N, C-alpha and C. Protein backbone atom coordinates (compact mmCIF):
# COMPACT_ATOMS: atom_id res chain seq x y z
N MET A 1 94.51 100.22 106.50
CA MET A 1 94.18 100.42 108.00
C MET A 1 95.41 101.25 108.42
N ALA A 2 94.70 102.30 109.10
CA ALA A 2 95.41 103.31 109.79
C ALA A 2 96.57 102.66 110.80
N PHE A 3 97.33 103.34 110.86
CA PHE A 3 98.43 102.77 111.92
C PHE A 3 97.61 102.73 113.41
N ASP A 4 97.05 104.05 113.83
CA ASP A 4 96.31 104.55 114.95
C ASP A 4 95.46 103.35 115.64
N ASP A 5 94.41 102.90 114.35
CA ASP A 5 93.54 101.76 114.31
C ASP A 5 94.15 100.41 114.63
N LYS A 6 95.32 100.25 113.93
CA LYS A 6 96.04 98.73 114.55
C LYS A 6 96.45 98.97 115.65
N VAL A 7 96.91 99.87 116.18
CA VAL A 7 97.44 100.04 117.58
C VAL A 7 96.41 99.91 118.46
N ASP A 8 95.22 100.41 118.35
CA ASP A 8 93.97 100.32 119.18
C ASP A 8 93.36 99.11 119.21
N ASN A 9 93.39 98.24 118.17
CA ASN A 9 92.85 97.18 118.23
C ASN A 9 93.93 95.84 118.86
N LYS A 10 94.97 96.08 118.47
CA LYS A 10 96.02 95.29 119.32
C LYS A 10 96.00 95.33 120.56
N ALA A 11 95.77 96.69 121.13
CA ALA A 11 95.92 96.91 122.76
C ALA A 11 94.48 96.42 123.24
N GLU A 12 93.54 96.37 122.34
CA GLU A 12 92.35 95.82 122.97
C GLU A 12 92.46 94.33 122.82
N GLU A 13 92.92 93.66 122.07
CA GLU A 13 93.35 92.27 121.99
C GLU A 13 94.22 92.06 123.17
N LEU A 14 95.07 92.79 123.57
CA LEU A 14 95.92 92.22 124.51
C LEU A 14 95.47 92.32 125.75
N GLY A 15 94.51 93.50 125.97
CA GLY A 15 94.03 93.60 127.22
C GLY A 15 92.99 92.53 127.42
N GLY A 16 92.24 92.09 126.44
CA GLY A 16 91.33 90.84 126.53
C GLY A 16 92.11 89.70 127.07
N LYS A 17 93.29 89.37 126.30
CA LYS A 17 94.15 88.20 126.91
C LYS A 17 94.48 88.52 128.61
N ALA A 18 94.79 89.75 128.73
CA ALA A 18 95.07 89.86 129.90
C ALA A 18 93.96 89.65 131.06
N LYS A 19 92.87 90.05 130.77
CA LYS A 19 91.41 89.81 131.31
C LYS A 19 91.35 88.29 131.63
N GLU A 20 91.53 87.63 130.45
CA GLU A 20 91.15 86.43 130.10
C GLU A 20 92.31 85.42 131.11
N GLY A 21 93.51 85.77 131.10
CA GLY A 21 94.50 85.17 132.16
C GLY A 21 94.08 85.31 133.53
N VAL A 22 93.83 86.66 133.92
CA VAL A 22 93.31 86.94 135.59
C VAL A 22 92.24 86.31 135.85
N GLY A 23 91.34 86.28 134.95
CA GLY A 23 90.01 85.45 135.26
C GLY A 23 90.29 83.67 135.39
N LYS A 24 91.13 83.49 134.69
CA LYS A 24 91.47 81.92 134.57
C LYS A 24 92.34 81.66 136.32
N ALA A 25 93.15 82.56 136.23
CA ALA A 25 93.94 82.43 137.43
C ALA A 25 93.27 82.60 138.76
N THR A 26 92.30 83.44 139.03
CA THR A 26 91.29 83.90 139.90
C THR A 26 90.00 83.04 139.98
N ASP A 27 89.78 81.99 138.98
CA ASP A 27 88.77 81.47 138.77
C ASP A 27 87.22 82.36 138.56
N ASP A 28 87.39 83.40 138.18
CA ASP A 28 86.45 84.27 137.59
C ASP A 28 85.97 84.02 136.46
N LYS A 29 85.06 83.43 136.05
CA LYS A 29 84.53 82.95 134.83
C LYS A 29 83.89 84.17 134.17
N ASP A 30 83.31 85.14 134.84
CA ASP A 30 82.76 86.29 134.07
C ASP A 30 83.91 87.36 133.49
N LEU A 31 85.04 87.63 134.18
CA LEU A 31 86.02 88.22 133.64
C LEU A 31 86.66 87.35 132.62
N GLU A 32 86.78 86.11 132.76
CA GLU A 32 87.64 85.16 131.62
C GLU A 32 86.84 85.57 130.38
N ALA A 33 85.36 85.28 130.36
CA ALA A 33 84.60 85.60 129.22
C ALA A 33 84.39 86.81 128.54
N GLU A 34 84.48 87.96 129.67
CA GLU A 34 84.83 89.40 129.31
C GLU A 34 86.06 89.62 128.16
N GLY A 35 87.21 88.79 128.69
CA GLY A 35 88.34 88.91 127.86
C GLY A 35 88.49 88.17 126.52
N LYS A 36 87.63 87.18 126.71
CA LYS A 36 87.41 86.48 125.34
C LYS A 36 86.60 87.33 124.34
N ALA A 37 85.59 87.92 124.95
CA ALA A 37 84.86 88.80 124.14
C ALA A 37 85.62 89.99 123.58
N ASP A 38 86.52 90.48 124.32
CA ASP A 38 87.26 91.60 123.98
C ASP A 38 88.28 91.24 122.94
N GLN A 39 88.68 90.16 123.03
CA GLN A 39 89.50 89.67 121.54
C GLN A 39 89.04 89.35 120.45
N GLY A 40 87.84 88.79 120.89
CA GLY A 40 86.94 88.62 119.44
C GLY A 40 86.57 89.85 118.72
N SER A 41 85.99 90.90 119.50
CA SER A 41 85.74 92.12 119.05
C SER A 41 86.99 92.79 118.46
N SER A 42 88.23 92.55 118.75
CA SER A 42 89.23 93.30 118.42
C SER A 42 89.83 92.50 116.96
N LYS A 43 89.53 91.22 116.92
CA LYS A 43 89.83 90.31 115.51
C LYS A 43 88.69 90.73 114.66
N LEU A 44 87.76 91.03 115.03
CA LEU A 44 86.61 91.30 114.07
C LEU A 44 86.75 92.66 113.36
N LYS A 45 87.21 93.55 114.16
CA LYS A 45 87.50 94.98 113.83
C LYS A 45 88.68 94.85 113.04
N GLN A 46 89.68 94.01 113.05
CA GLN A 46 90.87 93.96 112.38
C GLN A 46 90.36 93.34 110.78
N ALA A 47 89.65 92.40 111.23
CA ALA A 47 89.24 91.70 109.77
C ALA A 47 88.64 93.01 108.97
N GLY A 48 87.73 93.60 109.68
CA GLY A 48 87.05 94.73 108.89
C GLY A 48 88.05 95.68 108.19
N GLU A 49 89.02 96.00 108.99
CA GLU A 49 89.78 97.18 108.39
C GLU A 49 90.71 96.37 107.25
N ASN A 50 90.93 94.85 107.38
CA ASN A 50 91.86 94.49 106.16
C ASN A 50 90.96 94.34 105.05
N ILE A 51 89.62 94.26 105.25
CA ILE A 51 88.83 94.08 103.86
C ILE A 51 88.85 95.62 103.31
N LYS A 52 88.79 96.66 104.20
CA LYS A 52 88.80 98.10 103.50
C LYS A 52 90.06 98.07 102.96
N ASP A 53 91.09 97.97 103.46
CA ASP A 53 92.52 98.05 102.81
C ASP A 53 92.47 97.22 101.39
N ALA A 54 91.98 95.97 101.42
CA ALA A 54 92.03 95.26 100.04
C ALA A 54 91.49 95.98 98.93
N PHE A 55 90.40 96.71 99.27
CA PHE A 55 89.35 97.57 98.26
C PHE A 55 89.98 98.62 97.87
N LYS A 56 91.13 99.32 98.89
CA LYS A 56 91.60 100.45 98.47
C LYS A 56 92.84 100.27 97.52
N SER A 57 93.47 98.90 97.53
CA SER A 57 94.46 98.69 96.89
C SER A 57 94.10 98.74 95.27
């Protein structure tokens, strides 16, 4: 996995955690769900990149 991909995925995950936290604090269920979706998307991308890395080795 390229370093910039790792950084982008981690930034997306952290952004999702922030959205989820703000959503919980403000009782905004839509924002909370969007944050969870962002985290899930980021983790899927990371898993895909890890699989690609495994086949490169």
